[in-house]
């Protein structure tokens, strides 16, 4: 017996602001969640699996129109024609109270109830699937505590959308302990909600397949589902099915040894070539480039970021055509102590240094950016500079700005 366990598909999830960059492959990214799901259905048909489990967050939220649901019904129709049933549990993003629209689905799709735990039995394979959908987005009680006892003589699968012991990276929904799942008497736990792939060690496989397609830079690397093979009532193997169509990566380069702008570009070129050598052929990659280290070029790099970004984008186009895209260029370079600013009077450099260290000026700077902090878009979450602003740490930001000013004054005489 073989089945596919997927979760956190987030069909038609938004772009998270990537469309603001003119050089981004917006059309590819907009359709990535659908393309990845279509690849998952293709895999199910080629492998001729016995059934598929979707452990929550099939949808990213309520539909803007019925197109998302119609697309899902079409893909389920493909599985129906292949004789493959699908068991769907709804999580926090597509909870019963969240979804206001409904569509009739093919008869091979079975949805776990939100009012109480549901058990579906596949007599042909002696399988029992137990699960409960979220009635509302914020479910903070332990749903697994009410799951039924295992069905004797069957391979019991628990389907659950959970943070599992309060995973720090995700909202603490439907919390439960690993020990509770291991001692439930089930033979497999199909989890969802945590977007990273993980198989917990223990007597019973407890598995997060991760999300199907990375949607932003914090979801890096391969994404997909898992193929579970069972023999004689026990799990024999768990294999990853990588079905993502776009990959996200972060490339950090130390430019401490670079003495000129041209050397920085050469260093970036070498780093991009190394990244491409590790990348799967034909799979597009969205890259965040972070320049770090200590260099007297800090002011020039900060002050010329638009030009630097354009140079990097052109470099990527020359190296990889449409396979490599720049999500963001981040200059996190620090100036060496007492870095000289050629052509700039010492008293002006001293005045800037005094301003940067002035607590009153720092406070005024923070107050001036209050509006930005309050209305910042999602993409800024986790950005070092923005996090520093939120925490009131402005030394590095102001030092970088001062270095950029001095560099420009020096270059322009």
Protein backbone atom coordinates (compact mmCIF):
# COMPACT_ATOMS: atom_id res chain seq x y z
CA UNK A 1 0.00 0.00 0.00
CA UNK A 2 1.26 3.47 -0.88
CA UNK A 3 -0.21 6.87 -0.16
CA UNK A 4 0.79 10.52 -0.53
CA UNK A 5 0.75 12.82 2.48
CA UNK A 6 0.68 16.55 1.65
CA UNK A 7 -0.17 19.69 3.62
CA UNK A 8 -0.05 23.48 3.50
CA UNK A 9 -0.69 23.81 -0.20
CA UNK A 10 -2.06 27.36 0.13
CA UNK A 11 -3.59 27.42 -3.33
CA UNK A 12 -3.42 30.87 -4.92
CA UNK A 13 -1.41 32.30 -2.04
CA UNK A 14 -0.52 35.97 -2.64
CA UNK A 15 2.89 37.05 -3.91
CA UNK A 16 3.86 38.91 -0.73
CA UNK A 17 4.72 42.07 -2.69
CA UNK A 18 7.15 40.58 -5.19
CA UNK A 19 5.30 42.24 -8.05
CA UNK A 20 6.84 45.57 -7.02
CA UNK A 21 10.11 44.50 -8.65
CA UNK A 22 9.96 45.00 -12.40
CA UNK A 23 12.50 42.25 -13.14
CA UNK A 24 10.71 39.52 -11.15
CA UNK A 25 8.94 36.61 -12.97
CA UNK A 26 5.55 37.65 -11.59
CA UNK A 27 3.49 35.34 -13.80
CA UNK A 28 5.57 32.30 -12.82
CA UNK A 29 5.36 33.12 -9.13
CA UNK A 30 1.65 33.90 -9.22
CA UNK A 31 0.92 30.45 -10.66
CA UNK A 32 3.51 28.55 -8.62
CA UNK A 33 1.11 27.06 -6.04
CA UNK A 34 -1.16 25.71 -8.78
CA UNK A 35 1.74 24.39 -10.85
CA UNK A 36 3.20 22.58 -7.82
CA UNK A 37 -0.18 21.06 -6.99
CA UNK A 38 -0.62 19.89 -10.60
CA UNK A 39 2.79 18.21 -10.35
CA UNK A 40 1.67 16.48 -7.14
CA UNK A 41 -1.41 15.12 -8.92
CA UNK A 42 0.81 13.98 -11.81
CA UNK A 43 3.03 12.10 -9.34
CA UNK A 44 0.02 10.44 -7.72
CA UNK A 45 -1.22 9.20 -11.08
CA UNK A 46 2.19 7.99 -12.28
CA UNK A 47 2.87 6.20 -8.97
CA UNK A 48 -0.71 4.88 -8.91
CA UNK A 49 -0.98 5.50 -5.16
CA UNK A 50 -3.88 4.07 -3.21
CA UNK A 51 -5.01 7.40 -1.75
CA UNK A 52 -3.90 10.93 -0.88
CA UNK A 53 -4.09 12.81 2.44
CA UNK A 54 -4.09 16.64 2.68
CA UNK A 55 -3.48 17.67 6.30
CA UNK A 56 -4.75 21.24 6.36
CA UNK A 57 -4.42 24.63 4.66
CA UNK A 58 -5.35 23.43 1.21
CA UNK A 59 -6.46 27.02 0.62
CA UNK A 60 -4.71 30.19 1.75
CA UNK A 61 -7.98 31.72 2.92
CA UNK A 62 -11.43 32.59 1.65
CA UNK A 63 -11.63 32.71 -2.15
CA UNK A 64 -11.91 36.03 -3.96
CA UNK A 65 -14.07 34.17 -6.48
CA UNK A 66 -14.86 30.54 -7.33
CA UNK A 67 -11.87 30.03 -9.64
CA UNK A 68 -9.68 28.56 -6.89
CA UNK A 69 -12.33 25.99 -5.99
CA UNK A 70 -13.00 25.16 -9.63
CA UNK A 71 -9.28 24.55 -10.18
CA UNK A 72 -9.14 22.20 -7.18
CA UNK A 73 -12.23 20.31 -8.40
CA UNK A 74 -10.60 19.87 -11.82
CA UNK A 75 -7.45 18.37 -10.29
CA UNK A 76 -9.55 16.11 -8.06
CA UNK A 77 -11.38 14.96 -11.18
CA UNK A 78 -8.07 13.81 -12.61
CA UNK A 79 -7.48 11.70 -9.48
CA UNK A 80 -11.04 10.37 -9.61
CA UNK A 81 -10.45 9.15 -13.14
CA UNK A 82 -7.33 7.42 -11.83
CA UNK A 83 -9.28 5.73 -9.03
CA UNK A 84 -7.49 7.64 -6.26
CA UNK A 85 -9.54 8.88 -3.25
CA UNK A 86 -8.48 12.02 -1.39
CA UNK A 87 -8.96 12.81 2.32
CA UNK A 88 -8.93 16.52 3.15
CA UNK A 89 -8.62 18.15 6.57
CA UNK A 90 -9.01 21.92 6.90
CA UNK A 91 -6.58 23.94 9.03
CA UNK A 92 -6.36 27.49 10.31
CA UNK A 93 -6.17 29.13 6.86
CA UNK A 94 -9.18 27.29 5.42
CA UNK A 95 -11.17 26.64 8.60
CA UNK A 96 -14.94 26.22 8.41
CA UNK A 97 -15.58 29.75 9.69
CA UNK A 98 -13.05 31.26 7.26
CA UNK A 99 -14.49 29.86 4.03
CA UNK A 100 -17.69 31.59 2.95
CA UNK A 101 -17.91 29.96 -0.50
CA UNK A 102 -18.47 26.29 -1.25
CA UNK A 103 -18.45 24.11 -4.36
CA UNK A 104 -19.57 20.54 -4.96
CA UNK A 105 -16.50 18.31 -5.29
CA UNK A 106 -16.02 14.98 -7.07
CA UNK A 107 -17.14 11.95 -5.05
CA UNK A 108 -13.55 10.78 -4.49
CA UNK A 109 -12.96 13.74 -2.13
CA UNK A 110 -13.74 13.12 1.55
CA UNK A 111 -13.55 15.99 4.07
CA UNK A 112 -13.04 15.54 7.81
CA UNK A 113 -15.81 17.19 9.85
CA UNK A 114 -15.09 20.22 12.02
CA UNK A 115 -17.71 19.47 14.68
CA UNK A 116 -16.10 16.22 15.87
CA UNK A 117 -13.40 13.71 14.87
CA UNK A 118 -14.24 11.72 11.73
CA UNK A 119 -13.06 8.25 10.76
CA UNK A 120 -12.90 7.07 7.15
CA UNK A 121 -12.32 3.34 6.50
CA UNK A 122 -10.82 1.89 3.33
CA UNK A 123 -11.91 -1.73 3.48
CA UNK A 124 -9.78 -2.78 0.51
CA UNK A 125 -6.53 -1.83 2.28
CA UNK A 126 -7.69 -2.17 5.90
CA UNK A 127 -6.93 1.50 6.56
CA UNK A 128 -8.66 3.83 9.02
CA UNK A 129 -8.07 7.59 8.79
CA UNK A 130 -8.97 9.71 11.83
CA UNK A 131 -9.09 13.51 11.78
CA UNK A 132 -10.91 16.70 12.62
CA UNK A 133 -10.94 19.93 10.62
CA UNK A 134 -10.63 23.34 12.28
CA UNK A 135 -14.04 24.91 13.05
CA UNK A 136 -12.39 28.34 13.24
CA UNK A 137 -8.97 29.79 12.46
CA UNK A 138 -7.65 29.95 16.04
CA UNK A 139 -8.00 26.50 17.60
CA UNK A 140 -5.98 26.42 20.81
CA UNK A 141 -7.30 23.21 22.41
CA UNK A 142 -5.72 19.78 22.00
CA UNK A 143 -7.80 18.23 19.22
CA UNK A 144 -5.84 14.98 19.29
CA UNK A 145 -7.09 14.27 22.81
CA UNK A 146 -10.55 13.45 21.39
CA UNK A 147 -9.39 11.29 18.48
CA UNK A 148 -10.92 7.79 18.61
CA UNK A 149 -9.07 4.66 19.65
CA UNK A 150 -7.33 2.80 16.84
CA UNK A 151 -9.49 0.44 14.79
CA UNK A 152 -8.32 -3.11 15.44
CA UNK A 153 -6.86 -4.95 12.46
CA UNK A 154 -6.40 -1.72 10.49
CA UNK A 155 -3.53 0.61 9.60
CA UNK A 156 -4.57 3.72 11.57
CA UNK A 157 -3.59 7.17 10.31
CA UNK A 158 -4.08 10.27 12.45
CA UNK A 159 -4.54 13.42 10.36
CA UNK A 160 -3.92 16.58 12.36
CA UNK A 161 -3.15 20.26 11.77
CA UNK A 162 -0.97 21.25 14.72
CA UNK A 163 2.02 23.25 15.91
CA UNK A 164 3.11 20.16 17.91
CA UNK A 165 4.43 21.27 21.28
CA UNK A 166 4.34 24.94 20.33
CA UNK A 167 6.71 25.05 17.38
CA UNK A 168 8.32 28.47 17.78
CA UNK A 169 8.10 29.38 14.10
CA UNK A 170 4.34 28.88 13.82
CA UNK A 171 1.18 29.89 15.70
CA UNK A 172 0.45 27.48 18.55
CA UNK A 173 -2.68 25.88 17.09
CA UNK A 174 -4.10 22.53 18.27
CA UNK A 175 -1.06 21.90 20.53
CA UNK A 176 -0.21 18.36 21.55
CA UNK A 177 2.88 16.45 22.62
CA UNK A 178 5.00 14.08 20.57
CA UNK A 179 4.63 11.51 23.36
CA UNK A 180 0.85 11.69 23.08
CA UNK A 181 1.01 10.88 19.37
CA UNK A 182 3.56 8.10 19.83
CA UNK A 183 1.38 6.36 22.43
CA UNK A 184 -1.93 6.74 20.58
CA UNK A 185 -1.82 3.26 19.03
CA UNK A 186 -1.94 4.69 15.50
CA UNK A 187 0.58 3.54 12.88
CA UNK A 188 1.20 6.95 11.22
CA UNK A 189 0.54 10.61 12.00
CA UNK A 190 -0.02 12.87 8.98
CA UNK A 191 0.56 16.40 10.28
CA UNK A 192 0.25 19.84 8.74
CA UNK A 193 0.82 23.51 9.72
CA UNK A 194 4.63 23.52 10.08
CA UNK A 195 6.10 24.35 6.68
CA UNK A 196 9.43 22.56 7.14
CA UNK A 197 9.84 18.87 6.31
CA UNK A 198 10.38 16.78 9.44
CA UNK A 199 10.09 13.12 10.44
CA UNK A 200 10.23 12.76 14.22
CA UNK A 201 12.09 9.71 15.56
CA UNK A 202 10.12 7.25 17.64
CA UNK A 203 8.00 4.10 17.53
CA UNK A 204 5.41 5.70 15.21
CA UNK A 205 6.23 7.98 12.25
CA UNK A 206 5.09 11.53 13.02
CA UNK A 207 5.58 13.54 9.84
CA UNK A 208 5.37 17.12 8.64
CA UNK A 209 5.74 16.98 4.83
CA UNK A 210 6.32 20.75 4.69
CA UNK A 211 4.49 23.05 2.34
CA UNK A 212 4.16 22.22 -1.33
CA UNK A 213 5.72 25.38 -2.75
CA UNK A 214 7.91 28.01 -1.11
CA UNK A 215 6.15 31.38 -1.22
CA UNK A 216 8.78 33.77 0.12
CA UNK A 217 12.41 33.94 1.20
CA UNK A 218 11.74 32.39 4.62
CA UNK A 219 10.64 29.18 2.87
CA UNK A 220 13.92 28.20 1.25
CA UNK A 221 15.08 24.97 -0.36
CA UNK A 222 13.15 21.96 -1.72
CA UNK A 223 9.41 21.72 -1.06
CA UNK A 224 6.80 19.05 -1.66
CA UNK A 225 5.00 16.10 -0.10
CA UNK A 226 5.89 12.57 1.04
CA UNK A 227 5.25 9.14 -0.42
CA UNK A 228 4.59 6.54 2.29
CA UNK A 229 4.99 2.84 1.53
CA UNK A 230 3.49 0.27 3.95
CA UNK A 231 4.10 -3.46 4.11
CA UNK A 232 2.32 -5.89 6.45
CA UNK A 233 0.68 -3.12 8.45
CA UNK A 234 3.85 -1.10 9.09
CA UNK A 235 5.58 1.82 7.41
CA UNK A 236 8.44 0.58 5.26
CA UNK A 237 9.63 3.88 3.79
CA UNK A 238 8.93 7.62 3.68
CA UNK A 239 10.23 9.38 0.58
CA UNK A 240 10.13 13.07 -0.28
CA UNK A 241 8.33 14.09 -3.46
CA UNK A 242 9.80 17.44 -4.49
CA UNK A 243 7.16 19.07 -6.67
CA UNK A 244 7.94 22.79 -6.22
CA UNK A 245 8.42 24.75 -9.41
CA UNK A 246 10.37 27.71 -7.99
CA UNK A 247 13.08 27.59 -5.29
CA UNK A 248 14.06 30.31 -2.84
CA UNK A 249 17.62 30.69 -1.60
CA UNK A 250 19.76 33.18 0.31
CA UNK A 251 23.35 33.77 -0.80
CA UNK A 252 25.61 35.50 1.73
CA UNK A 253 28.95 36.81 0.44
CA UNK A 254 31.76 38.32 2.53
CA UNK A 255 33.29 41.27 0.65
CA UNK A 256 35.89 42.11 3.31
CA UNK A 257 38.74 41.41 0.89
CA UNK A 258 37.40 43.65 -1.88
CA UNK A 259 39.12 47.02 -2.36
CA UNK A 260 37.06 48.35 -5.26
CA UNK A 261 33.50 48.23 -6.60
CA UNK A 262 34.66 46.14 -9.57
CA UNK A 263 36.14 43.56 -7.20
CA UNK A 264 32.79 43.30 -5.41
CA UNK A 265 31.11 42.55 -8.74
CA UNK A 266 33.69 39.88 -9.52
CA UNK A 267 33.14 38.30 -6.11
CA UNK A 268 29.37 38.30 -6.68
CA UNK A 269 29.83 36.71 -10.11
CA UNK A 270 31.86 33.87 -8.58
CA UNK A 271 29.25 33.34 -5.88
CA UNK A 272 26.40 33.22 -8.40
CA UNK A 273 28.24 30.67 -10.53
CA UNK A 274 28.70 28.46 -7.45
CA UNK A 275 24.99 28.81 -6.61
CA UNK A 276 23.99 27.82 -10.14
CA UNK A 277 26.22 24.76 -10.00
CA UNK A 278 24.21 23.52 -7.00
CA UNK A 279 20.84 24.33 -8.56
CA UNK A 280 18.67 21.85 -10.41
CA UNK A 281 18.71 22.47 -14.14
CA UNK A 282 15.66 24.23 -15.53
CA UNK A 283 14.19 25.00 -12.07
CA UNK A 284 13.92 28.78 -11.53
CA UNK A 285 15.53 30.16 -8.38
CA UNK A 286 14.60 33.36 -6.56
CA UNK A 287 17.63 34.62 -4.69
CA UNK A 288 18.27 37.04 -1.85
CA UNK A 289 21.82 38.35 -2.00
CA UNK A 290 23.38 39.58 1.24
CA UNK A 291 26.75 41.34 1.19
CA UNK A 292 28.49 41.31 4.55
CA UNK A 293 31.88 41.76 6.17
CA UNK A 294 34.00 44.81 7.00
CA UNK A 295 35.04 47.11 4.19
CA UNK A 296 35.91 50.73 3.48
CA UNK A 297 33.51 50.34 0.54
CA UNK A 298 30.51 50.37 2.88
CA UNK A 299 29.50 53.92 2.01
CA UNK A 300 29.82 53.34 -1.73
CA UNK A 301 27.83 50.09 -1.63
CA UNK A 302 25.06 51.61 0.51
CA UNK A 303 24.93 54.80 -1.54
CA UNK A 304 24.86 53.02 -4.91
CA UNK A 305 22.41 50.21 -4.17
CA UNK A 306 20.18 50.95 -7.21
CA UNK A 307 23.20 50.70 -9.54
CA UNK A 308 24.50 47.64 -7.69
CA UNK A 309 21.12 45.92 -7.98
CA UNK A 310 20.99 46.66 -11.71
CA UNK A 311 24.50 45.25 -12.16
CA UNK A 312 23.56 42.07 -10.28
CA UNK A 313 20.32 41.61 -12.23
CA UNK A 314 22.22 41.99 -15.52
CA UNK A 315 24.83 39.52 -14.27
CA UNK A 316 22.12 36.97 -13.41
CA UNK A 317 20.51 37.40 -16.82
CA UNK A 318 23.83 36.74 -18.50
CA UNK A 319 24.63 33.72 -16.37
CA UNK A 320 21.27 31.97 -16.22
CA UNK A 321 18.72 33.58 -18.51
CA UNK A 322 15.34 33.03 -16.88
CA UNK A 323 16.50 30.58 -14.19
CA UNK A 324 17.83 33.03 -11.61
CA UNK A 325 16.03 36.05 -10.18
CA UNK A 326 16.99 38.61 -7.55
CA UNK A 327 14.42 38.94 -4.78
CA UNK A 328 16.39 41.46 -2.76
CA UNK A 329 19.88 42.90 -2.45
CA UNK A 330 20.88 43.61 1.13
CA UNK A 331 24.06 45.48 2.01
CA UNK A 332 25.04 44.46 5.55
CA UNK A 333 28.67 45.62 5.29
CA UNK A 334 30.26 47.45 8.22
CA UNK A 335 32.86 50.17 7.87
CA UNK A 336 36.24 49.54 9.54
CA UNK A 337 37.04 51.74 12.56
CA UNK A 338 38.03 55.30 11.59
CA UNK A 339 37.72 54.52 7.91
CA UNK A 340 39.13 57.54 6.03
CA UNK A 341 36.82 59.43 3.70
CA UNK A 342 39.06 60.68 0.91
CA UNK A 343 38.41 64.29 -0.08
CA UNK A 344 36.09 65.03 2.84
CA UNK A 345 37.13 67.61 5.47
CA UNK A 346 37.86 66.15 8.88
CA UNK A 347 35.46 68.56 10.60
CA UNK A 348 32.54 67.37 8.41
CA UNK A 349 33.34 63.71 9.16
CA UNK A 350 33.51 64.58 12.86
CA UNK A 351 30.18 66.41 12.67
CA UNK A 352 28.48 63.36 11.11
CA UNK A 353 30.03 61.06 13.70
CA UNK A 354 28.74 63.35 16.47
CA UNK A 355 25.23 63.34 14.98
CA UNK A 356 25.17 59.55 14.72
CA UNK A 357 26.09 59.23 18.40
CA UNK A 358 23.68 61.95 19.62
CA UNK A 359 20.85 60.28 21.62
CA UNK A 360 18.47 63.18 20.90
CA UNK A 361 19.08 62.84 17.17
CA UNK A 362 18.59 59.07 17.39
CA UNK A 363 15.26 59.57 19.17
CA UNK A 364 14.11 62.11 16.58
CA UNK A 365 15.12 59.68 13.83
CA UNK A 366 13.05 56.90 15.39
CA UNK A 367 10.02 59.17 15.83
CA UNK A 368 10.24 60.21 12.20
CA UNK A 369 10.00 56.57 11.13
CA UNK A 370 7.10 55.68 13.41
CA UNK A 371 4.67 55.69 10.49
CA UNK A 372 6.83 53.25 8.54
CA UNK A 373 7.10 50.92 11.50
CA UNK A 374 3.34 50.94 12.06
CA UNK A 375 2.35 50.38 8.42
CA UNK A 376 5.22 48.25 7.18
CA UNK A 377 4.36 45.55 4.60
CA UNK A 378 4.71 41.85 5.33
CA UNK A 379 7.99 41.59 3.39
CA UNK A 380 9.86 43.71 5.94
CA UNK A 381 9.27 41.24 8.78
CA UNK A 382 12.56 39.67 9.74
CA UNK A 383 14.68 42.19 7.83
CA UNK A 384 17.68 43.13 10.03
CA UNK A 385 17.32 46.87 9.43
CA UNK A 386 13.59 46.86 10.09
CA UNK A 387 13.97 44.68 13.19
CA UNK A 388 16.60 47.11 14.46
CA UNK A 389 14.14 49.97 13.95
CA UNK A 390 11.41 48.16 15.85
CA UNK A 391 13.80 47.53 18.74
CA UNK A 392 15.10 51.10 18.75
CA UNK A 393 18.63 50.10 17.63
CA UNK A 394 19.69 52.70 15.07
CA UNK A 395 23.49 52.87 15.42
CA UNK A 396 24.26 50.63 12.42
CA UNK A 397 21.60 52.29 10.27
CA UNK A 398 22.88 55.80 10.96
CA UNK A 399 26.53 54.78 10.60
CA UNK A 400 25.75 53.27 7.21
CA UNK A 401 23.92 56.43 6.13
CA UNK A 402 26.80 58.62 7.31
CA UNK A 403 29.30 56.45 5.44
CA UNK A 404 27.21 56.73 2.27
CA UNK A 405 27.09 60.52 2.58
CA UNK A 406 30.85 60.77 3.10
CA UNK A 407 31.54 58.44 0.20
CA UNK A 408 29.36 60.45 -2.17
CA UNK A 409 30.88 63.76 -1.08
CA UNK A 410 34.34 62.29 -1.51
CA UNK A 411 33.61 60.95 -5.00
CA UNK A 412 32.01 64.22 -6.13
CA UNK A 413 34.80 66.37 -4.71
